[in-house]
Amino acid sequence: MFHAFDNDGPNQPLQRQQWMALLARAPLAVLEPALGHYLDRPAGRAVHWLRRPEVGLMMVQGRAGGTGERFNLGEVTVTRCALRLQEATGALAGVAWVLGRNQRHCMLAAVADALLQDPARQAQLDAELLEPVRQHLRLLAHERSNRAQSTRVDFFTLARESDGGANEEDDEQ
């Protein structure tokens, strides 16, 4: 489904669209240890909320067979937020949209978005945060593939043996 985002070409620079797609699908168990301390700072907090996490609905569209006309499939719950991090290198703004109602996930994804915009931190965060997310998503895709493979049915056709039509000639005579 997200093949283009999950499979970067070799030596491709990290792009915001790619990391935001990964962060939106990242498990909270991966984000929390790496970024939780940014949100849990005491009174001199470095996080300034531009938009606190809020839950809403978004219309999802689909296509019949993947190629037909678009139609409204239904609504999904999403959480969004925007923040500004005050860091030594300056203020960095981060935003996030995630499926579901998990506000903590949305906040951590926004923190990661802000930090990833700093070129000095990109390589480190890619290795320590985004690569575990990619591995997790590859594992989920592999498990989903295995479940689908276990229900696979192979159809085959048996060819009827024929002796070249000799019986038909005998019947006519």
N, C-alpha and C. Protein backbone atom coordinates (compact mmCIF):
# COMPACT_ATOMS: atom_id res chain seq x y z
N MET A 1 0.82 -1.18 0.00
CA MET A 1 0.00 0.00 0.00
C MET A 1 0.87 1.25 0.00
N PHE A 2 1.91 1.30 0.82
CA PHE A 2 2.80 2.44 0.90
C PHE A 2 4.16 2.07 0.35
N HIS A 3 4.19 1.28 -0.70
CA HIS A 3 5.44 0.74 -1.22
C HIS A 3 6.45 1.84 -1.53
N ALA A 4 6.01 2.95 -2.11
CA ALA A 4 6.94 4.01 -2.49
C ALA A 4 7.59 4.64 -1.27
N PHE A 5 6.89 4.71 -0.16
CA PHE A 5 7.45 5.32 1.04
C PHE A 5 8.34 4.35 1.82
N ASP A 6 8.05 3.07 1.72
CA ASP A 6 8.78 2.09 2.50
C ASP A 6 10.06 1.63 1.82
N ASN A 7 10.22 1.88 0.55
CA ASN A 7 11.36 1.36 -0.19
C ASN A 7 12.12 2.49 -0.86
N ASP A 8 12.92 3.19 -0.08
CA ASP A 8 13.75 4.25 -0.63
C ASP A 8 14.82 3.63 -1.51
N GLY A 9 15.17 4.32 -2.55
CA GLY A 9 16.27 3.87 -3.38
C GLY A 9 17.58 4.07 -2.62
N PRO A 10 18.64 3.42 -3.05
CA PRO A 10 19.91 3.58 -2.37
C PRO A 10 20.43 5.01 -2.52
N ASN A 11 21.02 5.52 -1.45
CA ASN A 11 21.64 6.85 -1.42
C ASN A 11 20.67 7.97 -1.77
N GLN A 12 19.40 7.79 -1.45
CA GLN A 12 18.42 8.84 -1.68
C GLN A 12 18.34 9.72 -0.44
N PRO A 13 18.29 11.04 -0.61
CA PRO A 13 18.15 11.90 0.56
C PRO A 13 16.77 11.70 1.19
N LEU A 14 16.74 11.82 2.49
CA LEU A 14 15.50 11.65 3.24
C LEU A 14 14.58 12.84 2.96
N GLN A 15 13.33 12.56 2.59
CA GLN A 15 12.38 13.62 2.29
C GLN A 15 11.28 13.63 3.34
N ARG A 16 10.75 14.83 3.60
CA ARG A 16 9.75 15.00 4.65
C ARG A 16 8.52 14.14 4.41
N GLN A 17 8.08 14.05 3.19
CA GLN A 17 6.90 13.23 2.88
C GLN A 17 7.12 11.78 3.30
N GLN A 18 8.32 11.27 3.10
CA GLN A 18 8.63 9.89 3.46
C GLN A 18 8.65 9.70 4.96
N TRP A 19 9.34 10.58 5.69
CA TRP A 19 9.41 10.36 7.14
C TRP A 19 8.07 10.60 7.81
N MET A 20 7.24 11.51 7.27
CA MET A 20 5.93 11.71 7.89
C MET A 20 5.04 10.49 7.69
N ALA A 21 5.14 9.84 6.53
CA ALA A 21 4.37 8.61 6.29
C ALA A 21 4.82 7.51 7.24
N LEU A 22 6.12 7.41 7.48
CA LEU A 22 6.63 6.39 8.40
C LEU A 22 6.21 6.69 9.84
N LEU A 23 6.32 7.95 10.25
CA LEU A 23 5.96 8.32 11.63
C LEU A 23 4.48 8.11 11.91
N ALA A 24 3.64 8.33 10.92
CA ALA A 24 2.20 8.14 11.11
C ALA A 24 1.86 6.68 11.36
N ARG A 25 2.67 5.77 10.83
CA ARG A 25 2.42 4.33 10.99
C ARG A 25 3.33 3.69 12.02
N ALA A 26 4.19 4.47 12.65
CA ALA A 26 5.14 3.93 13.63
C ALA A 26 4.41 3.47 14.89
N PRO A 27 4.85 2.37 15.48
CA PRO A 27 4.25 1.95 16.75
C PRO A 27 4.73 2.87 17.88
N LEU A 28 3.85 3.12 18.82
CA LEU A 28 4.17 3.98 19.95
C LEU A 28 5.37 3.44 20.73
N ALA A 29 5.52 2.14 20.78
CA ALA A 29 6.63 1.52 21.51
C ALA A 29 7.99 1.89 20.93
N VAL A 30 8.04 2.28 19.67
CA VAL A 30 9.30 2.71 19.06
C VAL A 30 9.51 4.21 19.28
N LEU A 31 8.45 5.00 19.20
CA LEU A 31 8.56 6.45 19.34
C LEU A 31 8.82 6.88 20.78
N GLU A 32 8.16 6.25 21.72
CA GLU A 32 8.22 6.70 23.12
C GLU A 32 9.64 6.72 23.69
N PRO A 33 10.41 5.64 23.60
CA PRO A 33 11.75 5.68 24.20
C PRO A 33 12.67 6.72 23.54
N ALA A 34 12.49 6.94 22.26
CA ALA A 34 13.39 7.85 21.55
C ALA A 34 13.04 9.32 21.75
N LEU A 35 11.74 9.63 21.93
CA LEU A 35 11.32 11.02 21.91
C LEU A 35 10.50 11.47 23.11
N GLY A 36 10.13 10.56 23.98
CA GLY A 36 9.25 10.89 25.10
C GLY A 36 9.78 11.98 26.00
N HIS A 37 11.09 12.08 26.15
CA HIS A 37 11.67 13.08 27.05
C HIS A 37 11.42 14.51 26.57
N TYR A 38 11.17 14.71 25.30
CA TYR A 38 10.86 16.06 24.81
C TYR A 38 9.53 16.56 25.34
N LEU A 39 8.58 15.66 25.52
CA LEU A 39 7.26 16.06 26.00
C LEU A 39 7.16 16.04 27.52
N ASP A 40 8.09 15.36 28.18
CA ASP A 40 8.02 15.20 29.64
C ASP A 40 8.94 16.17 30.37
N ARG A 41 9.45 17.18 29.70
CA ARG A 41 10.35 18.14 30.35
C ARG A 41 9.60 18.95 31.39
N PRO A 42 10.30 19.41 32.44
CA PRO A 42 9.65 20.22 33.47
C PRO A 42 9.29 21.62 32.96
N ALA A 43 9.06 22.55 33.87
CA ALA A 43 8.50 23.87 33.56
C ALA A 43 9.19 24.60 32.40
N GLY A 44 10.47 24.47 32.23
CA GLY A 44 11.15 25.16 31.13
C GLY A 44 11.02 24.39 29.84
N ARG A 45 9.84 23.93 29.56
CA ARG A 45 9.60 23.05 28.41
C ARG A 45 10.02 23.71 27.10
N ALA A 46 10.53 22.89 26.22
CA ALA A 46 10.98 23.36 24.91
C ALA A 46 9.86 23.28 23.88
N VAL A 47 8.71 22.71 24.26
CA VAL A 47 7.61 22.52 23.30
C VAL A 47 6.61 23.66 23.44
N HIS A 48 6.36 24.33 22.34
CA HIS A 48 5.32 25.37 22.28
C HIS A 48 4.26 24.86 21.31
N TRP A 49 3.03 24.72 21.80
CA TRP A 49 1.97 24.15 20.98
C TRP A 49 1.40 25.19 20.03
N LEU A 50 1.45 24.92 18.76
CA LEU A 50 0.78 25.73 17.76
C LEU A 50 -0.66 25.25 17.61
N ARG A 51 -0.85 23.94 17.72
CA ARG A 51 -2.17 23.33 17.71
C ARG A 51 -2.08 22.08 18.58
N ARG A 52 -2.74 22.11 19.71
CA ARG A 52 -2.72 20.94 20.59
C ARG A 52 -3.39 19.76 19.88
N PRO A 53 -3.07 18.54 20.30
CA PRO A 53 -3.68 17.38 19.64
C PRO A 53 -5.21 17.44 19.69
N GLU A 54 -5.81 17.22 18.55
CA GLU A 54 -7.26 17.20 18.46
C GLU A 54 -7.69 16.05 17.55
N VAL A 55 -8.81 15.47 17.91
CA VAL A 55 -9.34 14.31 17.19
C VAL A 55 -10.48 14.77 16.30
N GLY A 56 -10.51 14.26 15.10
CA GLY A 56 -11.57 14.60 14.16
C GLY A 56 -11.80 13.47 13.18
N LEU A 57 -12.63 13.74 12.19
CA LEU A 57 -12.96 12.75 11.17
C LEU A 57 -12.44 13.22 9.82
N MET A 58 -12.09 12.25 9.00
CA MET A 58 -11.63 12.54 7.64
C MET A 58 -12.34 11.57 6.70
N MET A 59 -12.78 12.08 5.57
CA MET A 59 -13.43 11.24 4.57
C MET A 59 -12.36 10.50 3.77
N VAL A 60 -12.55 9.20 3.62
CA VAL A 60 -11.62 8.37 2.86
C VAL A 60 -12.29 8.01 1.55
N GLN A 61 -11.55 8.15 0.46
CA GLN A 61 -12.09 7.81 -0.85
C GLN A 61 -11.48 6.51 -1.33
N GLY A 62 -12.23 5.83 -2.18
CA GLY A 62 -11.75 4.59 -2.76
C GLY A 62 -12.04 4.57 -4.25
N ARG A 63 -11.55 3.54 -4.91
CA ARG A 63 -11.82 3.34 -6.34
C ARG A 63 -12.20 1.88 -6.53
N ALA A 64 -13.23 1.63 -7.30
CA ALA A 64 -13.63 0.26 -7.60
C ALA A 64 -12.55 -0.40 -8.44
N GLY A 65 -11.99 -1.47 -7.93
CA GLY A 65 -10.94 -2.18 -8.65
C GLY A 65 -9.63 -1.41 -8.72
N GLY A 66 -9.54 -0.30 -8.00
CA GLY A 66 -8.32 0.49 -8.01
C GLY A 66 -8.19 1.39 -9.21
N THR A 67 -9.10 1.30 -10.18
CA THR A 67 -8.97 2.11 -11.40
C THR A 67 -10.24 2.88 -11.73
N GLY A 68 -11.33 2.59 -11.08
CA GLY A 68 -12.60 3.24 -11.42
C GLY A 68 -12.70 4.65 -10.87
N GLU A 69 -13.89 5.20 -10.97
CA GLU A 69 -14.14 6.54 -10.45
C GLU A 69 -14.04 6.53 -8.92
N ARG A 70 -13.62 7.64 -8.37
CA ARG A 70 -13.53 7.75 -6.91
C ARG A 70 -14.94 7.80 -6.31
N PHE A 71 -15.03 7.23 -5.11
CA PHE A 71 -16.27 7.32 -4.35
C PHE A 71 -15.91 7.45 -2.88
N ASN A 72 -16.80 8.03 -2.10
CA ASN A 72 -16.56 8.20 -0.67
C ASN A 72 -16.77 6.86 0.02
N LEU A 73 -15.69 6.32 0.54
CA LEU A 73 -15.72 5.01 1.16
C LEU A 73 -16.27 5.09 2.58
N GLY A 74 -15.88 6.13 3.31
CA GLY A 74 -16.34 6.29 4.68
C GLY A 74 -15.45 7.27 5.42
N GLU A 75 -15.70 7.41 6.70
CA GLU A 75 -14.92 8.33 7.52
C GLU A 75 -14.01 7.55 8.45
N VAL A 76 -12.86 8.12 8.73
CA VAL A 76 -11.92 7.54 9.68
C VAL A 76 -11.57 8.60 10.72
N THR A 77 -11.23 8.15 11.91
CA THR A 77 -10.81 9.05 12.97
C THR A 77 -9.33 9.36 12.80
N VAL A 78 -8.99 10.64 12.90
CA VAL A 78 -7.59 11.06 12.82
C VAL A 78 -7.29 12.02 13.96
N THR A 79 -6.03 12.07 14.35
CA THR A 79 -5.56 13.02 15.35
C THR A 79 -4.48 13.86 14.70
N ARG A 80 -4.53 15.17 14.94
CA ARG A 80 -3.52 16.06 14.37
C ARG A 80 -3.01 17.01 15.43
N CYS A 81 -1.80 17.50 15.22
CA CYS A 81 -1.24 18.52 16.10
C CYS A 81 -0.10 19.23 15.38
N ALA A 82 0.28 20.38 15.92
CA ALA A 82 1.42 21.15 15.41
C ALA A 82 2.12 21.76 16.61
N LEU A 83 3.45 21.77 16.56
CA LEU A 83 4.22 22.31 17.68
C LEU A 83 5.49 22.98 17.18
N ARG A 84 6.10 23.74 18.07
CA ARG A 84 7.40 24.34 17.78
C ARG A 84 8.34 23.94 18.90
N LEU A 85 9.49 23.44 18.51
CA LEU A 85 10.53 23.05 19.48
C LEU A 85 11.57 24.16 19.56
N GLN A 86 11.86 24.60 20.76
CA GLN A 86 12.94 25.56 20.98
C GLN A 86 14.20 24.77 21.26
N GLU A 87 15.08 24.73 20.30
CA GLU A 87 16.33 24.00 20.43
C GLU A 87 17.48 24.98 20.33
N ALA A 88 18.68 24.51 20.64
CA ALA A 88 19.87 25.35 20.55
C ALA A 88 20.09 25.84 19.12
N THR A 89 19.65 25.06 18.16
CA THR A 89 19.84 25.43 16.76
C THR A 89 18.75 26.36 16.25
N GLY A 90 17.76 26.67 17.08
CA GLY A 90 16.66 27.53 16.67
C GLY A 90 15.33 26.83 16.85
N ALA A 91 14.28 27.50 16.40
CA ALA A 91 12.93 26.95 16.53
C ALA A 91 12.62 26.07 15.33
N LEU A 92 12.12 24.89 15.61
CA LEU A 92 11.75 23.93 14.57
C LEU A 92 10.27 23.61 14.72
N ALA A 93 9.50 23.70 13.64
CA ALA A 93 8.07 23.40 13.69
C ALA A 93 7.84 21.99 13.17
N GLY A 94 6.97 21.27 13.87
CA GLY A 94 6.63 19.92 13.46
C GLY A 94 5.12 19.73 13.46
N VAL A 95 4.63 18.94 12.53
CA VAL A 95 3.21 18.62 12.45
C VAL A 95 3.05 17.12 12.31
N ALA A 96 1.87 16.62 12.64
CA ALA A 96 1.60 15.19 12.48
C ALA A 96 0.10 14.97 12.34
N TRP A 97 -0.23 13.98 11.54
CA TRP A 97 -1.58 13.45 11.39
C TRP A 97 -1.45 11.95 11.51
N VAL A 98 -2.21 11.34 12.40
CA VAL A 98 -2.17 9.88 12.55
C VAL A 98 -3.60 9.34 12.58
N LEU A 99 -3.76 8.13 12.08
CA LEU A 99 -5.06 7.47 12.15
C LEU A 99 -5.34 7.09 13.59
N GLY A 100 -6.57 7.26 14.00
CA GLY A 100 -6.96 6.87 15.35
C GLY A 100 -7.00 8.04 16.31
N ARG A 101 -7.12 7.70 17.60
CA ARG A 101 -7.29 8.70 18.64
C ARG A 101 -6.09 8.83 19.58
N ASN A 102 -4.97 8.26 19.21
CA ASN A 102 -3.81 8.25 20.10
C ASN A 102 -3.09 9.59 20.05
N GLN A 103 -3.38 10.45 21.03
CA GLN A 103 -2.79 11.78 21.05
C GLN A 103 -1.30 11.74 21.34
N ARG A 104 -0.86 10.83 22.17
CA ARG A 104 0.57 10.72 22.48
C ARG A 104 1.36 10.36 21.22
N HIS A 105 0.85 9.44 20.44
CA HIS A 105 1.49 9.07 19.17
C HIS A 105 1.61 10.29 18.26
N CYS A 106 0.54 11.06 18.17
CA CYS A 106 0.54 12.25 17.32
C CYS A 106 1.58 13.27 17.80
N MET A 107 1.65 13.49 19.11
CA MET A 107 2.61 14.45 19.66
C MET A 107 4.04 14.00 19.38
N LEU A 108 4.33 12.73 19.59
CA LEU A 108 5.68 12.22 19.36
C LEU A 108 6.06 12.28 17.88
N ALA A 109 5.10 12.02 17.01
CA ALA A 109 5.37 12.11 15.57
C ALA A 109 5.66 13.56 15.18
N ALA A 110 4.98 14.51 15.79
CA ALA A 110 5.24 15.93 15.50
C ALA A 110 6.62 16.34 16.00
N VAL A 111 7.02 15.85 17.18
CA VAL A 111 8.37 16.12 17.69
C VAL A 111 9.41 15.56 16.72
N ALA A 112 9.20 14.34 16.28
CA ALA A 112 10.14 13.72 15.34
C ALA A 112 10.19 14.51 14.03
N ASP A 113 9.04 14.97 13.55
CA ASP A 113 9.02 15.77 12.32
C ASP A 113 9.86 17.03 12.49
N ALA A 114 9.72 17.70 13.62
CA ALA A 114 10.50 18.91 13.87
C ALA A 114 11.99 18.60 13.91
N LEU A 115 12.37 17.56 14.62
CA LEU A 115 13.79 17.22 14.75
C LEU A 115 14.40 16.77 13.42
N LEU A 116 13.63 16.07 12.62
CA LEU A 116 14.14 15.59 11.33
C LEU A 116 14.37 16.72 10.33
N GLN A 117 13.79 17.88 10.58
CA GLN A 117 14.02 19.01 9.69
C GLN A 117 15.38 19.67 9.91
N ASP A 118 16.04 19.31 10.99
CA ASP A 118 17.40 19.79 11.26
C ASP A 118 18.38 18.87 10.54
N PRO A 119 19.06 19.36 9.49
CA PRO A 119 19.96 18.49 8.72
C PRO A 119 21.05 17.83 9.57
N ALA A 120 21.46 18.47 10.66
CA ALA A 120 22.51 17.91 11.51
C ALA A 120 22.04 16.65 12.24
N ARG A 121 20.74 16.50 12.44
CA ARG A 121 20.21 15.35 13.18
C ARG A 121 19.61 14.27 12.29
N GLN A 122 19.44 14.56 11.02
CA GLN A 122 18.72 13.62 10.14
C GLN A 122 19.34 12.24 10.10
N ALA A 123 20.63 12.16 9.91
CA ALA A 123 21.28 10.85 9.77
C ALA A 123 21.12 10.03 11.05
N GLN A 124 21.32 10.67 12.20
CA GLN A 124 21.20 9.96 13.48
C GLN A 124 19.77 9.49 13.71
N LEU A 125 18.79 10.37 13.48
CA LEU A 125 17.39 9.99 13.68
C LEU A 125 16.93 8.96 12.66
N ASP A 126 17.46 9.03 11.47
CA ASP A 126 17.12 8.02 10.46
C ASP A 126 17.56 6.64 10.93
N ALA A 127 18.78 6.57 11.47
CA ALA A 127 19.32 5.28 11.92
C ALA A 127 18.65 4.80 13.21
N GLU A 128 18.42 5.70 14.16
CA GLU A 128 17.92 5.30 15.48
C GLU A 128 16.41 5.24 15.59
N LEU A 129 15.70 5.98 14.75
CA LEU A 129 14.25 6.05 14.87
C LEU A 129 13.53 5.49 13.64
N LEU A 130 13.88 5.98 12.47
CA LEU A 130 13.14 5.58 11.27
C LEU A 130 13.47 4.17 10.81
N GLU A 131 14.71 3.75 10.95
CA GLU A 131 15.06 2.39 10.52
C GLU A 131 14.33 1.32 11.34
N PRO A 132 14.23 1.46 12.69
CA PRO A 132 13.41 0.49 13.43
C PRO A 132 11.94 0.50 12.98
N VAL A 133 11.43 1.68 12.61
CA VAL A 133 10.05 1.75 12.11
C VAL A 133 9.94 0.99 10.79
N ARG A 134 10.90 1.20 9.90
CA ARG A 134 10.90 0.48 8.62
C ARG A 134 10.95 -1.03 8.85
N GLN A 135 11.81 -1.46 9.78
CA GLN A 135 11.92 -2.89 10.07
C GLN A 135 10.60 -3.43 10.60
N HIS A 136 9.96 -2.68 11.49
CA HIS A 136 8.68 -3.09 12.04
C HIS A 136 7.63 -3.22 10.93
N LEU A 137 7.59 -2.25 10.03
CA LEU A 137 6.61 -2.29 8.94
C LEU A 137 6.89 -3.42 7.96
N ARG A 138 8.19 -3.71 7.72
CA ARG A 138 8.53 -4.85 6.86
C ARG A 138 8.09 -6.16 7.51
N LEU A 139 8.27 -6.26 8.83
CA LEU A 139 7.84 -7.45 9.56
C LEU A 139 6.32 -7.63 9.46
N LEU A 140 5.58 -6.54 9.64
CA LEU A 140 4.12 -6.61 9.52
C LEU A 140 3.70 -7.04 8.11
N ALA A 141 4.36 -6.49 7.10
CA ALA A 141 4.03 -6.85 5.72
C ALA A 141 4.35 -8.32 5.46
N HIS A 142 5.46 -8.80 6.02
CA HIS A 142 5.84 -10.21 5.86
C HIS A 142 4.81 -11.12 6.54
N GLU A 143 4.39 -10.76 7.75
CA GLU A 143 3.39 -11.55 8.46
C GLU A 143 2.07 -11.57 7.70
N ARG A 144 1.67 -10.42 7.17
CA ARG A 144 0.43 -10.33 6.39
C ARG A 144 0.53 -11.20 5.14
N SER A 145 1.69 -11.17 4.50
CA SER A 145 1.92 -12.00 3.31
C SER A 145 1.85 -13.48 3.66
N ASN A 146 2.45 -13.86 4.79
CA ASN A 146 2.41 -15.27 5.21
C ASN A 146 0.99 -15.73 5.51
N ARG A 147 0.19 -14.86 6.16
CA ARG A 147 -1.20 -15.22 6.44
C ARG A 147 -1.97 -15.41 5.14
N ALA A 148 -1.74 -14.52 4.19
CA ALA A 148 -2.43 -14.65 2.90
C ALA A 148 -1.95 -15.89 2.16
N GLN A 149 -0.67 -16.17 2.24
CA GLN A 149 -0.10 -17.34 1.56
C GLN A 149 -0.67 -18.63 2.14
N SER A 150 -0.96 -18.64 3.43
CA SER A 150 -1.48 -19.86 4.05
C SER A 150 -2.89 -20.19 3.56
N THR A 151 -3.58 -19.22 2.99
CA THR A 151 -4.93 -19.48 2.48
C THR A 151 -4.95 -19.60 0.97
N ARG A 152 -3.80 -19.64 0.37
CA ARG A 152 -3.70 -19.70 -1.09
C ARG A 152 -4.20 -21.04 -1.61
N VAL A 153 -4.91 -20.98 -2.70
CA VAL A 153 -5.40 -22.18 -3.36
C VAL A 153 -4.82 -22.20 -4.76
N ASP A 154 -4.15 -23.30 -5.11
CA ASP A 154 -3.60 -23.46 -6.46
C ASP A 154 -4.58 -24.27 -7.29
N PHE A 155 -5.05 -23.67 -8.34
CA PHE A 155 -5.94 -24.36 -9.26
C PHE A 155 -5.12 -24.89 -10.43
N PHE A 156 -5.45 -26.07 -10.86
CA PHE A 156 -4.75 -26.62 -12.00
C PHE A 156 -5.78 -27.34 -12.87
N THR A 157 -5.42 -27.55 -14.10
CA THR A 157 -6.32 -28.21 -15.05
C THR A 157 -5.73 -29.55 -15.42
N LEU A 158 -6.53 -30.55 -15.34
CA LEU A 158 -6.10 -31.87 -15.78
C LEU A 158 -6.44 -32.01 -17.26
N ALA A 159 -5.48 -32.35 -18.04
CA ALA A 159 -5.73 -32.58 -19.47
C ALA A 159 -6.22 -34.00 -19.63
N ARG A 160 -7.30 -34.13 -20.37
CA ARG A 160 -7.80 -35.49 -20.60
C ARG A 160 -6.90 -36.16 -21.60
N GLU A 161 -6.65 -37.41 -21.34
CA GLU A 161 -5.80 -38.14 -22.27
C GLU A 161 -6.58 -38.42 -23.54
N SER A 162 -5.90 -38.31 -24.62
CA SER A 162 -6.52 -38.55 -25.91
C SER A 162 -5.61 -39.46 -26.72
N ASP A 163 -6.20 -40.37 -27.43
CA ASP A 163 -5.37 -41.26 -28.25
C ASP A 163 -5.35 -40.78 -29.69
N GLY A 164 -5.50 -39.50 -29.88
CA GLY A 164 -5.39 -38.93 -31.20
C GLY A 164 -6.67 -39.01 -32.01
N GLY A 165 -7.78 -39.31 -31.39
CA GLY A 165 -9.04 -39.35 -32.11
C GLY A 165 -9.27 -40.64 -32.87
N ALA A 166 -8.55 -41.71 -32.59
CA ALA A 166 -8.69 -42.98 -33.31
C ALA A 166 -10.06 -43.58 -33.08
N ASN A 167 -10.62 -43.42 -31.91
CA ASN A 167 -11.93 -44.01 -31.61
C ASN A 167 -13.03 -43.36 -32.44
N GLU A 168 -12.92 -42.09 -32.70
CA GLU A 168 -13.95 -41.41 -33.47
C GLU A 168 -14.00 -41.96 -34.89
N GLU A 169 -12.84 -42.25 -35.48
CA GLU A 169 -12.81 -42.77 -36.85
C GLU A 169 -13.42 -44.17 -36.89
N ASP A 170 -13.17 -44.96 -35.86
CA ASP A 170 -13.72 -46.31 -35.83
C ASP A 170 -15.23 -46.28 -35.74
N ASP A 171 -15.77 -45.32 -35.00
CA ASP A 171 -17.21 -45.24 -34.82
C ASP A 171 -17.92 -44.86 -36.12
N GLU A 172 -17.28 -44.06 -36.96
CA GLU A 172 -17.90 -43.60 -38.20
C GLU A 172 -17.95 -44.71 -39.24
N GLN A 173 -17.06 -45.64 -39.24
CA GLN A 173 -17.00 -46.68 -40.26
C GLN A 173 -17.97 -47.76 -40.01
